[in-house]
C-alpha atoms as a PDB file:
ATOM      1  CA  LEU A   1       0.000   0.000   0.000  1.00  0.00           C
ATOM      2  CA  ILE A   2       2.873   2.363   0.822  1.00  0.00           C
ATOM      3  CA  HIS A   3       4.462   1.657  -2.560  1.00  0.00           C
ATOM      4  CA  PHE A   4       1.113   2.314  -4.250  1.00  0.00           C
ATOM      5  CA  TYR A   5       0.828   5.775  -2.652  1.00  0.00           C
ATOM      6  CA  LYS A   6       4.419   6.554  -3.601  1.00  0.00           C
ATOM      7  CA  ARG A   7       3.664   5.620  -7.197  1.00  0.00           C
ATOM      8  CA  VAL A   8       0.506   7.748  -7.233  1.00  0.00           C
ATOM      9  CA  GLY A   9       2.456  10.680  -5.782  1.00  0.00           C
ATOM     10  CA  LYS A  10       5.066  10.405  -8.532  1.00  0.00           C
ATOM     11  CA  MET A  11       2.360  10.281 -11.187  1.00  0.00           C
ATOM     12  CA  ALA A  12       0.714  13.393  -9.741  1.00  0.00           C
ATOM     13  CA  ILE A  13       4.022  15.241  -9.846  1.00  0.00           C
ATOM     14  CA  MET A  14       4.595  14.202 -13.455  1.00  0.00           C
ATOM     15  CA  LYS A  15       1.154  15.480 -14.481  1.00  0.00           C
ATOM     16  CA  ARG A  16       2.036  18.996 -13.327  1.00  0.00           C
ATOM     17  CA  VAL A  17       4.536  19.354 -16.195  1.00  0.00           C
ATOM     18  CA  VAL A  18       2.518  20.806 -19.059  1.00  0.00           C
ATOM     19  CA  LYS A  19       3.804  19.888 -22.501  1.00  0.00           C
ATOM     20  CA  PRO A  20       2.370  21.695 -25.538  1.00  0.00           C
ATOM     21  CA  LYS A  21       0.467  19.484 -27.982  1.00  0.00           C
ATOM     22  CA  ASN A  22       0.530  21.907 -30.896  1.00  0.00           C
ATOM     23  CA  LYS A  23       2.064  25.187 -32.053  1.00  0.00           C
ATOM     24  CA  ARG A  24      -0.758  27.282 -30.630  1.00  0.00           C
ATOM     25  CA  SER A  25      -0.418  25.912 -27.089  1.00  0.00           C
ATOM     26  CA  LYS A  26       3.364  26.242 -27.366  1.00  0.00           C
ATOM     27  CA  ARG A  27       3.028  29.951 -28.222  1.00  0.00           C
ATOM     28  CA  ALA A  28       0.597  30.403 -25.320  1.00  0.00           C
ATOM     29  CA  LEU A  29       3.044  28.822 -22.861  1.00  0.00           C
ATOM     30  CA  GLU A  30       5.922  30.914 -24.218  1.00  0.00           C
ATOM     31  CA  ALA A  31       3.839  34.067 -23.768  1.00  0.00           C
ATOM     32  CA  ARG A  32       3.433  33.220 -20.066  1.00  0.00           C
ATOM     33  CA  GLU A  33       7.101  32.555 -19.439  1.00  0.00           C
ATOM     34  CA  PRO A  34       9.135  35.095 -17.414  1.00  0.00           C
ATOM     35  CA  LYS A  35      10.583  37.850 -19.600  1.00  0.00           C
ATOM     36  CA  ALA A  36      13.268  40.474 -19.153  1.00  0.00           C
ATOM     37  CA  ILE A  37      10.725  43.111 -20.237  1.00  0.00           C
ATOM     38  CA  GLU A  38       7.328  41.861 -19.112  1.00  0.00           C
ATOM     39  CA  ASN A  39       4.036  42.228 -20.958  1.00  0.00           C
ATOM     40  CA  GLN A  40       1.365  44.738 -20.054  1.00  0.00           C
ATOM     41  CA  LYS A  41      -0.295  43.631 -16.822  1.00  0.00           C
ATOM     42  CA  THR A  42      -3.796  42.224 -17.012  1.00  0.00           C
ATOM     43  CA  THR A  43      -6.354  42.931 -14.282  1.00  0.00           C
ATOM     44  CA  VAL A  44      -9.109  40.595 -13.122  1.00  0.00           C
ATOM     45  CA  LEU A  45     -12.096  42.183 -11.332  1.00  0.00           C
ATOM     46  CA  VAL A  46     -14.129  39.874  -9.062  1.00  0.00           C
ATOM     47  CA  ARG A  47     -17.198  40.446  -6.874  1.00  0.00           C
ATOM     48  CA  GLY A  48     -17.954  38.591  -3.655  1.00  0.00           C
ATOM     49  CA  THR A  49     -21.129  36.849  -2.530  1.00  0.00           C
ATOM     50  CA  ASN A  50     -22.430  40.036  -0.914  1.00  0.00           C
ATOM     51  CA  CYS A  51     -21.673  43.124  -2.962  1.00  0.00           C
ATOM     52  CA  SER A  52     -23.511  46.435  -2.819  1.00  0.00           C
ATOM     53  CA  GLN A  53     -24.657  48.213  -5.957  1.00  0.00           C
ATOM     54  CA  LEU A  54     -22.187  51.019  -5.265  1.00  0.00           C
ATOM     55  CA  VAL A  55     -19.220  48.627  -5.292  1.00  0.00           C
ATOM     56  CA  GLN A  56     -20.549  46.869  -8.407  1.00  0.00           C
ATOM     57  CA  ASP A  57     -20.727  50.198 -10.253  1.00  0.00           C
ATOM     58  CA  CYS A  58     -17.225  51.004  -9.006  1.00  0.00           C
ATOM     59  CA  LEU A  59     -15.876  47.710 -10.422  1.00  0.00           C
ATOM     60  CA  LYS A  60     -17.600  48.391 -13.758  1.00  0.00           C
ATOM     61  CA  ASP A  61     -15.990  51.829 -14.025  1.00  0.00           C
ATOM     62  CA  LEU A  62     -12.592  50.417 -13.092  1.00  0.00           C
ATOM     63  CA  HIS A  63     -13.063  47.823 -15.819  1.00  0.00           C
ATOM     64  CA  THR A  64     -13.864  50.630 -18.273  1.00  0.00           C
ATOM     65  CA  LEU A  65     -10.693  52.496 -17.296  1.00  0.00           C
ATOM     66  CA  LYS A  66      -8.559  49.365 -17.621  1.00  0.00           C
ATOM     67  CA  LYS A  67      -9.863  48.176 -20.997  1.00  0.00           C
ATOM     68  CA  PRO A  68      -8.724  46.229 -22.956  1.00  0.00           C
ATOM     69  CA  GLU A  69      -6.282  44.688 -20.428  1.00  0.00           C
ATOM     70  CA  ALA A  70      -9.008  43.720 -17.932  1.00  0.00           C
ATOM     71  CA  VAL A  71     -11.445  40.860 -17.282  1.00  0.00           C
ATOM     72  CA  ASN A  72     -14.613  41.422 -15.232  1.00  0.00           C
ATOM     73  CA  TYR A  73     -16.293  38.508 -13.408  1.00  0.00           C
ATOM     74  CA  SER A  74     -19.800  39.712 -12.575  1.00  0.00           C
ATOM     75  CA  GLN A  75     -20.997  36.463 -10.957  1.00  0.00           C
ATOM     76  CA  LYS A  76     -20.842  35.869  -7.212  1.00  0.00           C
ATOM     77  CA  ASN A  77     -17.683  34.281  -5.822  1.00  0.00           C
ATOM     78  CA  ASP A  78     -17.316  32.983  -2.284  1.00  0.00           C
ATOM     79  CA  ILE A  79     -13.856  34.421  -1.635  1.00  0.00           C
ATOM     80  CA  ARG A  80     -12.320  35.938   1.489  1.00  0.00           C
ATOM     81  CA  PRO A  81      -8.922  37.220   0.290  1.00  0.00           C
ATOM     82  CA  PHE A  82      -7.488  37.905   3.755  1.00  0.00           C
ATOM     83  CA  GLU A  83      -8.309  34.348   4.847  1.00  0.00           C
ATOM     84  CA  ASP A  84      -7.684  32.356   1.657  1.00  0.00           C
ATOM     85  CA  ALA A  85      -6.542  33.833  -1.662  1.00  0.00           C
ATOM     86  CA  THR A  86      -6.284  30.483  -3.484  1.00  0.00           C
ATOM     87  CA  LYS A  87      -9.123  31.228  -5.906  1.00  0.00           C
ATOM     88  CA  LEU A  88      -7.665  34.608  -6.819  1.00  0.00           C
ATOM     89  CA  GLU A  89      -4.316  32.904  -7.477  1.00  0.00           C
ATOM     90  CA  PHE A  90      -6.167  30.403  -9.681  1.00  0.00           C
ATOM     91  CA  TYR A  91      -7.717  33.265 -11.688  1.00  0.00           C
ATOM     92  CA  SER A  92      -4.281  34.869 -11.943  1.00  0.00           C
ATOM     93  CA  LYS A  93      -2.741  31.713 -13.394  1.00  0.00           C
ATOM     94  CA  LYS A  94      -5.688  31.028 -15.692  1.00  0.00           C
ATOM     95  CA  LEU A  95      -5.842  34.532 -17.192  1.00  0.00           C
ATOM     96  CA  ASP A  96      -2.144  35.407 -16.806  1.00  0.00           C
ATOM     97  CA  ALA A  97      -3.275  38.381 -14.697  1.00  0.00           C
ATOM     98  CA  SER A  98      -0.955  39.930 -12.126  1.00  0.00           C
ATOM     99  CA  LEU A  99      -3.436  42.521 -10.777  1.00  0.00           C
ATOM    100  CA  PHE A 100      -6.843  42.044  -9.189  1.00  0.00           C
ATOM    101  CA  ALA A 101      -9.688  44.055  -7.700  1.00  0.00           C
ATOM    102  CA  PHE A 102     -12.198  42.409  -5.371  1.00  0.00           C
ATOM    103  CA  GLY A 103     -15.427  44.008  -4.157  1.00  0.00           C
ATOM    104  CA  ASN A 104     -17.707  42.921  -1.317  1.00  0.00           C
ATOM    105  CA  HIS A 105     -19.998  44.360   1.335  1.00  0.00           C
ATOM    106  CA  ASN A 106     -20.821  43.416   4.931  1.00  0.00           C
ATOM    107  CA  LYS A 107     -22.023  45.038   8.092  1.00  0.00           C
ATOM    108  CA  LYS A 108     -18.561  45.366   9.651  1.00  0.00           C
ATOM    109  CA  ARG A 109     -16.854  46.661   6.484  1.00  0.00           C
ATOM    110  CA  PRO A 110     -19.440  48.226   4.144  1.00  0.00           C
ATOM    111  CA  ASN A 111     -18.597  49.037   0.513  1.00  0.00           C
ATOM    112  CA  ASN A 112     -15.303  47.187   0.564  1.00  0.00           C
ATOM    113  CA  LEU A 113     -12.785  47.338  -2.287  1.00  0.00           C
ATOM    114  CA  ILE A 114      -9.556  45.268  -2.228  1.00  0.00           C
ATOM    115  CA  LEU A 115      -6.732  46.012  -4.665  1.00  0.00           C
ATOM    116  CA  GLY A 116      -3.814  43.604  -4.948  1.00  0.00           C
ATOM    117  CA  ARG A 117      -1.121  42.145  -7.165  1.00  0.00           C
ATOM    118  CA  MET A 118       0.533  38.788  -7.760  1.00  0.00           C
ATOM    119  CA  PHE A 119       4.096  37.626  -8.165  1.00  0.00           C
ATOM    120  CA  ASP A 120       4.716  34.287  -9.868  1.00  0.00           C
ATOM    121  CA  ASN A 121       0.953  33.575  -9.612  1.00  0.00           C
ATOM    122  CA  HIS A 122       1.063  33.951  -5.822  1.00  0.00           C
ATOM    123  CA  LEU A 123      -0.223  36.787  -3.680  1.00  0.00           C
ATOM    124  CA  LEU A 124       2.341  39.546  -3.231  1.00  0.00           C
ATOM    125  CA  ASP A 125       0.399  42.251  -1.413  1.00  0.00           C
ATOM    126  CA  MET A 126      -3.126  43.650  -1.168  1.00  0.00           C
ATOM    127  CA  ILE A 127      -4.744  46.653   0.446  1.00  0.00           C
ATOM    128  CA  GLU A 128      -8.340  46.941   1.610  1.00  0.00           C
ATOM    129  CA  LEU A 129     -10.080  50.260   0.928  1.00  0.00           C
ATOM    130  CA  GLY A 130     -13.482  51.503   1.978  1.00  0.00           C
ATOM    131  CA  VAL A 131     -15.530  53.387  -0.640  1.00  0.00           C
ATOM    132  CA  ASP A 132     -16.880  56.379   1.266  1.00  0.00           C
ATOM    133  CA  SER A 133     -18.172  58.209  -1.811  1.00  0.00           C
ATOM    134  CA  PHE A 134     -18.486  57.291  -5.470  1.00  0.00           C
ATOM    135  CA  THR A 135     -19.613  59.132  -8.580  1.00  0.00           C
ATOM    136  CA  ALA A 136     -19.914  56.984 -11.699  1.00  0.00           C
ATOM    137  CA  LEU A 137     -18.716  57.744 -15.207  1.00  0.00           C
ATOM    138  CA  LYS A 138     -22.259  57.939 -16.569  1.00  0.00           C
ATOM    139  CA  GLU A 139     -23.160  60.751 -14.167  1.00  0.00           C
ATOM    140  CA  PHE A 140     -20.695  63.079 -15.912  1.00  0.00           C
ATOM    141  CA  LYS A 141     -22.494  64.167 -19.082  1.00  0.00           C
ATOM    142  CA  ASN A 142     -19.519  64.979 -21.282  1.00  0.00           C
ATOM    143  CA  SER A 143     -17.174  63.360 -23.776  1.00  0.00           C
ATOM    144  CA  LYS A 144     -14.718  60.747 -22.518  1.00  0.00           C
ATOM    145  CA  VAL A 145     -11.149  59.839 -23.423  1.00  0.00           C
ATOM    146  CA  THR A 146     -10.092  57.136 -25.875  1.00  0.00           C
ATOM    147  CA  ALA A 147     -10.182  53.613 -24.435  1.00  0.00           C
ATOM    148  CA  GLY A 148      -6.735  52.187 -23.730  1.00  0.00           C
ATOM    149  CA  SER A 149      -4.973  55.561 -23.657  1.00  0.00           C
ATOM    150  CA  LYS A 150      -2.065  55.972 -21.256  1.00  0.00           C
ATOM    151  CA  PRO A 151      -3.037  58.230 -18.316  1.00  0.00           C
ATOM    152  CA  CYS A 152      -0.908  60.825 -16.592  1.00  0.00           C
ATOM    153  CA  LEU A 153      -0.682  59.905 -12.880  1.00  0.00           C
ATOM    154  CA  LEU A 154      -0.429  62.704 -10.302  1.00  0.00           C
ATOM    155  CA  PHE A 155       0.164  62.070  -6.590  1.00  0.00           C
ATOM    156  CA  ALA A 156      -0.258  64.754  -3.955  1.00  0.00           C
ATOM    157  CA  GLY A 157      -0.316  64.751  -0.182  1.00  0.00           C
ATOM    158  CA  GLU A 158       2.113  64.372   2.679  1.00  0.00           C
ATOM    159  CA  PRO A 159       1.431  60.619   3.295  1.00  0.00           C
ATOM    160  CA  PHE A 160       2.584  59.791  -0.252  1.00  0.00           C
ATOM    161  CA  ALA A 161       5.764  61.844   0.254  1.00  0.00           C
ATOM    162  CA  ASP A 162       6.580  60.296   3.658  1.00  0.00           C
ATOM    163  CA  THR A 163       9.055  57.459   3.004  1.00  0.00           C
ATOM    164  CA  THR A 164       8.638  56.076   6.540  1.00  0.00           C
ATOM    165  CA  ASN A 165       4.923  55.431   5.972  1.00  0.00           C
ATOM    166  CA  LEU A 166       5.199  51.907   4.516  1.00  0.00           C
ATOM    167  CA  GLU A 167       1.466  51.395   3.944  1.00  0.00           C
ATOM    168  CA  MET A 168       1.037  54.573   1.892  1.00  0.00           C
ATOM    169  CA  GLN A 169       4.241  53.914  -0.070  1.00  0.00           C
ATOM    170  CA  ARG A 170       3.021  50.433  -1.006  1.00  0.00           C
ATOM    171  CA  LEU A 171      -0.423  51.851  -1.843  1.00  0.00           C
ATOM    172  CA  LYS A 172       1.210  54.408  -4.134  1.00  0.00           C
ATOM    173  CA  SER A 173       3.237  51.652  -5.819  1.00  0.00           C
ATOM    174  CA  LEU A 174       0.099  49.537  -6.202  1.00  0.00           C
ATOM    175  CA  LEU A 175      -1.888  52.408  -7.742  1.00  0.00           C
ATOM    176  CA  ILE A 176       0.921  53.096 -10.211  1.00  0.00           C
ATOM    177  CA  ASP A 177       0.936  49.424 -11.231  1.00  0.00           C
ATOM    178  CA  PHE A 178      -2.844  49.405 -11.466  1.00  0.00           C
ATOM    179  CA  PHE A 179      -3.359  52.525 -13.622  1.00  0.00           C
ATOM    180  CA  ARG A 180      -0.060  53.006 -15.471  1.00  0.00           C
ATOM    181  CA  GLY A 181      -1.346  51.676 -18.798  1.00  0.00           C
ATOM    182  CA  PRO A 182       0.839  50.469 -21.666  1.00  0.00           C
ATOM    183  CA  GLU A 183       4.580  51.052 -21.627  1.00  0.00           C
ATOM    184  CA  VAL A 184       5.688  53.432 -24.385  1.00  0.00           C
ATOM    185  CA  THR A 185       9.008  54.881 -25.549  1.00  0.00           C
ATOM    186  CA  ASN A 186       7.746  58.115 -27.134  1.00  0.00           C
ATOM    187  CA  LEU A 187       4.843  60.442 -26.428  1.00  0.00           C
ATOM    188  CA  ARG A 188       3.277  63.148 -28.511  1.00  0.00           C
ATOM    189  CA  LEU A 189       1.667  66.160 -26.886  1.00  0.00           C
ATOM    190  CA  ALA A 190      -1.785  65.527 -28.360  1.00  0.00           C
ATOM    191  CA  GLY A 191      -1.706  61.925 -27.094  1.00  0.00           C
ATOM    192  CA  ILE A 192      -1.776  62.982 -23.425  1.00  0.00           C
ATOM    193  CA  GLU A 193      -5.517  63.347 -22.903  1.00  0.00           C
ATOM    194  CA  HIS A 194      -6.220  61.637 -19.556  1.00  0.00           C
ATOM    195  CA  ALA A 195      -5.046  62.549 -16.055  1.00  0.00           C
ATOM    196  CA  LEU A 196      -5.648  60.698 -12.777  1.00  0.00           C
ATOM    197  CA  GLN A 197      -5.165  62.673  -9.563  1.00  0.00           C
ATOM    198  CA  PHE A 198      -4.543  60.857  -6.257  1.00  0.00           C
ATOM    199  CA  THR A 199      -4.629  63.037  -3.145  1.00  0.00           C
ATOM    200  CA  ALA A 200      -3.792  61.567   0.281  1.00  0.00           C
ATOM    201  CA  VAL A 201      -5.001  63.148   3.528  1.00  0.00           C
ATOM    202  CA  GLU A 202      -4.098  61.119   6.625  1.00  0.00           C
ATOM    203  CA  LYS A 203      -5.601  57.664   5.867  1.00  0.00           C
ATOM    204  CA  LYS A 204      -7.895  58.778   3.071  1.00  0.00           C
ATOM    205  CA  VAL A 205      -7.229  58.821  -0.666  1.00  0.00           C
ATOM    206  CA  PHE A 206      -9.244  60.877  -3.144  1.00  0.00           C
ATOM    207  CA  LEU A 207      -9.255  59.743  -6.787  1.00  0.00           C
ATOM    208  CA  ARG A 208     -10.284  62.174  -9.521  1.00  0.00           C
ATOM    209  CA  SER A 209     -10.243  61.636 -13.285  1.00  0.00           C
ATOM    210  CA  TYR A 210      -9.807  64.505 -15.747  1.00  0.00           C
ATOM    211  CA  LYS A 211      -9.806  64.968 -19.492  1.00  0.00           C
ATOM    212  CA  ILE A 212      -6.976  67.169 -20.753  1.00  0.00           C
ATOM    213  CA  SER A 213      -8.079  69.678 -23.395  1.00  0.00           C
ATOM    214  CA  MET A 214      -5.621  71.826 -25.349  1.00  0.00           C
ATOM    215  CA  LYS A 215      -6.879  75.252 -26.350  1.00  0.00           C
ATOM    216  CA  LYS A 216      -5.353  78.016 -28.443  1.00  0.00           C
ATOM    217  CA  SER A 217      -3.188  80.369 -26.418  1.00  0.00           C
ATOM    218  CA  GLY A 218      -1.846  82.698 -29.100  1.00  0.00           C
ATOM    219  CA  GLY A 219       1.628  81.247 -28.654  1.00  0.00           C
ATOM    220  CA  ARG A 220       3.577  78.086 -29.244  1.00  0.00           C
ATOM    221  CA  ILE A 221       2.551  76.379 -25.984  1.00  0.00           C
ATOM    222  CA  PRO A 222      -1.194  75.531 -25.848  1.00  0.00           C
ATOM    223  CA  ARG A 223      -3.432  76.459 -22.943  1.00  0.00           C
ATOM    224  CA  ILE A 224      -4.391  73.424 -20.864  1.00  0.00           C
ATOM    225  CA  GLU A 225      -7.866  72.940 -19.411  1.00  0.00           C
ATOM    226  CA  LEU A 226      -8.990  70.058 -17.178  1.00  0.00           C
ATOM    227  CA  GLU A 227     -12.523  68.702 -17.315  1.00  0.00           C
ATOM    228  CA  GLU A 228     -13.652  66.097 -14.790  1.00  0.00           C
ATOM    229  CA  ILE A 229     -15.045  63.032 -16.526  1.00  0.00           C
ATOM    230  CA  GLY A 230     -15.231  60.512 -13.660  1.00  0.00           C
ATOM    231  CA  PRO A 231     -15.151  58.216 -11.915  1.00  0.00           C
ATOM    232  CA  SER A 232     -14.725  60.033  -8.614  1.00  0.00           C
ATOM    233  CA  LEU A 233     -13.752  57.990  -5.550  1.00  0.00           C
ATOM    234  CA  ASP A 234     -13.235  58.809  -1.878  1.00  0.00           C
ATOM    235  CA  LEU A 235     -11.365  55.902  -0.298  1.00  0.00           C
ATOM    236  CA  SER A 236     -10.338  55.166   3.267  1.00  0.00           C
ATOM    237  CA  LEU A 237      -7.494  52.805   4.173  1.00  0.00           C
ATOM    238  CA  ARG A 238      -8.504  49.655   6.084  1.00  0.00           C
ATOM    239  CA  ARG A 239      -6.632  46.334   6.358  1.00  0.00           C
ATOM    240  CA  THR A 240      -3.377  45.584   4.563  1.00  0.00           C
ATOM    241  CA  HIS A 241      -1.424  42.467   3.605  1.00  0.00           C
ATOM    242  CA  LEU A 242       2.076  43.564   2.606  1.00  0.00           C
ATOM    243  CA  ALA A 243       4.913  41.424   1.291  1.00  0.00           C
ATOM    244  CA  SER A 244       8.142  41.127   3.247  1.00  0.00           C
ATOM    245  CA  ASP A 245      11.096  43.267   2.194  1.00  0.00           C
ATOM    246  CA  ASP A 246      12.972  40.279   0.727  1.00  0.00           C
ATOM    247  CA  LEU A 247       9.980  39.088  -1.300  1.00  0.00           C
ATOM    248  CA  PHE A 248       9.200  42.603  -2.515  1.00  0.00           C
ATOM    249  CA  LYS A 249      12.841  43.093  -3.518  1.00  0.00           C
ATOM    250  CA  SER A 250      12.891  39.843  -5.489  1.00  0.00           C
ATOM    251  CA  ALA A 251       9.596  40.803  -7.189  1.00  0.00           C
ATOM    252  CA  CYS A 252      11.078  44.152  -8.292  1.00  0.00           C
ATOM    253  CA  LYS A 253      14.343  42.637  -9.500  1.00  0.00           C
ATOM    254  CA  GLN A 254      15.199  43.260 -13.160  1.00  0.00           C
ATOM    255  CA  VAL A 255      17.785  41.951 -15.562  1.00  0.00           C
ATOM    256  CA  LYS A 256      20.889  44.145 -15.586  1.00  0.00           C
ATOM    257  CA  ASN A 257      21.170  46.574 -18.525  1.00  0.00           C
ATOM    258  CA  VAL A 258      17.996  45.166 -20.083  1.00  0.00           C
ATOM    259  CA  ARG A 259      16.856  48.586 -21.306  1.00  0.00           C
ATOM    260  CA  SER A 260      20.254  49.843 -22.457  1.00  0.00           C
ATOM    261  CA  VAL A 261      20.922  49.856 -26.192  1.00  0.00           C
ATOM    262  CA  LYS A 262      23.527  47.276 -27.082  1.00  0.00           C
ATOM    263  CA  LYS A 263      26.386  48.729 -29.115  1.00  0.00           C
ATOM    264  CA  VAL A 264      26.951  46.869 -32.365  1.00  0.00           C
ATOM    265  CA  LYS A 265      30.413  46.936 -33.899  1.00  0.00           C
ATOM    266  CA  ASN A 266      31.107  48.179 -37.442  1.00  0.00           C
ATOM    267  CA  ILE A 267      27.616  49.702 -37.826  1.00  0.00           C
ATOM    268  CA  SER A 268      27.034  53.459 -37.976  1.00  0.00           C
ATOM    269  CA  GLU A 269      24.482  55.961 -39.209  1.00  0.00           C
ATOM    270  CA  ASP A 270      25.034  59.005 -41.346  1.00  0.00           C
ATOM    271  CA  ALA A 271      23.348  62.411 -41.006  1.00  0.00           C
ATOM    272  CA  PHE A 272      20.291  61.196 -42.957  1.00  0.00           C
ATOM    273  CA  GLY A 273      19.698  58.154 -40.753  1.00  0.00           C
ATOM    274  CA  THR A 274      21.003  55.627 -43.280  1.00  0.00           C
ATOM    275  CA  LYS A 275      22.572  52.613 -41.615  1.00  0.00           C
ATOM    276  CA  LEU A 276      26.070  51.867 -42.827  1.00  0.00           C
ATOM    277  CA  GLY A 277      27.918  48.627 -42.132  1.00  0.00           C
ATOM    278  CA  ARG A 278      31.526  47.541 -42.557  1.00  0.00           C
ATOM    279  CA  VAL A 279      32.068  43.911 -43.502  1.00  0.00           C
ATOM    280  CA  HIS A 280      35.470  42.210 -43.092  1.00  0.00           C
ATOM    281  CA  ILE A 281      36.150  39.290 -45.479  1.00  0.00           C
ATOM    282  CA  GLN A 282      39.137  37.093 -46.278  1.00  0.00           C
ATOM    283  CA  PRO A 283      41.229  37.848 -49.415  1.00  0.00           C
ATOM    284  CA  GLN A 284      39.682  36.131 -52.417  1.00  0.00           C
ATOM    285  CA  GLU A 285      41.474  34.342 -55.279  1.00  0.00           C
ATOM    286  CA  ILE A 286      39.557  35.752 -58.201  1.00  0.00           C
ATOM    287  CA  GLU A 287      41.471  33.664 -60.760  1.00  0.00           C
ATOM    288  CA  LYS A 288      40.063  30.444 -59.286  1.00  0.00           C
ATOM    289  CA  ILE A 289      36.473  31.567 -59.097  1.00  0.00           C
ATOM    290  CA  GLN A 290      34.192  29.396 -61.238  1.00  0.00           C
ATOM    291  CA  THR A 291      32.125  31.725 -63.384  1.00  0.00           C
ATOM    292  CA  ARG A 292      29.078  30.885 -65.425  1.00  0.00           C
ATOM    293  CA  LYS A 293      29.896  29.195 -68.714  1.00  0.00           C
ATOM    294  CA  THR A 294      28.122  30.506 -71.794  1.00  0.00           C
ATOM    295  CA  LYS A 295      28.284  29.500 -75.446  1.00  0.00           C
ATOM    296  CA  ALA A 296      29.404  32.974 -76.441  1.00  0.00           C
ATOM    297  CA  LEU A 297      32.632  32.563 -74.472  1.00  0.00           C
ATOM    298  CA  LYS A 298      33.470  29.042 -75.686  1.00  0.00           C
ATOM    299  CA  GLU A 299      36.230  28.457 -78.270  1.00  0.00           C
ATOM    300  CA  THR A 300      35.216  27.655 -81.806  1.00  0.00           C
ATOM    301  CA  LYS A 301      36.402  24.537 -83.668  1.00  0.00           C
ATOM    302  CA  GLU A 302      38.828  26.539 -85.792  1.00  0.00           C
ATOM    303  CA  GLU A 303      40.313  28.188 -82.670  1.00  0.00           C
ATOM    304  CA  LYS A 304      40.767  24.775 -81.046  1.00  0.00           C
ATOM    305  CA  LEU A 305      42.480  23.391 -84.166  1.00  0.00           C
ATOM    306  CA  GLU A 306      44.732  26.437 -84.299  1.00  0.00           C
ATOM    307  CA  VAL A 307      45.751  25.933 -80.674  1.00  0.00           C
ATOM    308  CA  ILE A 308      46.463  22.241 -81.332  1.00  0.00           C
ATOM    309  CA  GLN A 309      48.556  23.150 -84.392  1.00  0.00           C
ATOM    310  CA  GLN A 310      50.533  25.664 -82.352  1.00  0.00           C
ATOM    311  CA  LYS A 311      51.205  23.017 -79.688  1.00  0.00           C
ATOM    312  CA  LYS A 312      52.369  20.573 -82.393  1.00  0.00           C
ATOM    313  CA  GLU A 313      54.688  23.151 -83.944  1.00  0.00           C
ATOM    314  CA  LYS A 314      56.068  24.014 -80.544  1.00  0.00           C
ATOM    315  CA  ALA A 315      56.722  20.320 -79.785  1.00  0.00           C
ATOM    316  CA  GLU A 316      58.328  19.767 -83.242  1.00  0.00           C
ATOM    317  CA  SER A 317      60.661  22.721 -82.777  1.00  0.00           C
ATOM    318  CA  ALA A 318      61.646  21.465 -79.342  1.00  0.00           C
ATOM    319  CA  ARG A 319      62.380  17.986 -80.814  1.00  0.00           C
ATOM    320  CA  LYS A 320      64.542  19.451 -83.595  1.00  0.00           C
ATOM    321  CA  ARG A 321      66.544  21.474 -81.099  1.00  0.00           C
ATOM    322  CA  ALA A 322      67.121  18.355 -79.007  1.00  0.00           C
ATOM    323  CA  VAL A 323      68.304  16.359 -82.079  1.00  0.00           C
ATOM    324  CA  ALA A 324      70.572  19.187 -83.185  1.00  0.00           C
ATOM    325  CA  ALA A 325      72.079  19.370 -79.727  1.00  0.00           C
ATOM    326  CA  VAL A 326      72.839  15.601 -79.791  1.00  0.00           C
ATOM    327  CA  PHE A 327      74.582  15.742 -83.185  1.00  0.00           C
ATOM    328  CA  ALA A 328      76.517  18.834 -82.160  1.00  0.00           C
ATOM    329  CA  ASP A 329      77.920  16.947 -79.158  1.00  0.00           C
ATOM    330  CA  ASP A 330      79.015  14.067 -81.451  1.00  0.00           C
ATOM    331  CA  ASP A 331      80.860  16.474 -83.810  1.00  0.00           C
ATOM    332  CA  GLU A 332      82.772  17.993 -80.881  1.00  0.00           C
ATOM    333  CA  VAL A 333      83.886  14.569 -79.659  1.00  0.00           C
ATOM    334  CA  SER A 334      85.185  13.563 -83.132  1.00  0.00           C
ATOM    335  CA  ALA A 335      87.066  16.838 -83.530  1.00  0.00           C
ATOM    336  CA  ASP A 336      88.889  16.270 -80.218  1.00  0.00           C
ATOM    337  CA  GLU A 337      89.998  12.841 -81.334  1.00  0.00           C
END
């Protein structure tokens, strides 16, 4: 019986190794592998068994802000993240999502919103926030920003600037991860059209969303106007589950010089942006290179016969010289005698 359980245990361990059956599953597994420069983070939004309408509307608006890198689960889920986060880790592994938002409601903690993130498909840290006030996107009757645009994040308040306040520093880091949007190398002025303002006062955080409008100013620099478009959130800090310093340091670790441009030898650019390369090759023996044979370059029959005749004449002249040299030697011998 003991041997049977050992064999079953080995089989269970072997089943955990996922081998791709086709090219599509192989590409999917490669996309989930650790990378030096990671992909854009996906967010999964989940509601609990008891969830107030205010928190549900809040999750919907967060999903709208995070599109298209977000998945919203509107059905009820019996999850208590601070007691057991196994189901959230399962969602993270299934959807390849490293960020999550969980909403629930109870008598002790009404209108509860939990923001968190994963590392290696395991819970890294999460912060519980209470929604004191909420104004939805649909209540602002104006034009909105383009979906998927990268927002400009603004943080104000003494708690965010205080480096000794670990909870607020981790909350700031979490909010940056949550709302940062796609990673870009260049920005154009007209592409900055969304701003998110986070203001911290003691243990409260106020979130405001603005649309950036550029007006004519009569000069080179346009006049900037901000128009609130929602959502508007007043949050209060509740429970926290923070990662240890060692775990957080390993989660933030990056490959050395991953973003630096690697210098390539013998390649340069001129003033017009044309890439120029210098290639070093071994000396070539051009005489031995086999070129393409064509009929136009072949010798004719008359030319071949002429060459053969010249060779014969050359051989005949050489033979005559050899015979003459032999008889000349004989004459000299007879004269000496």
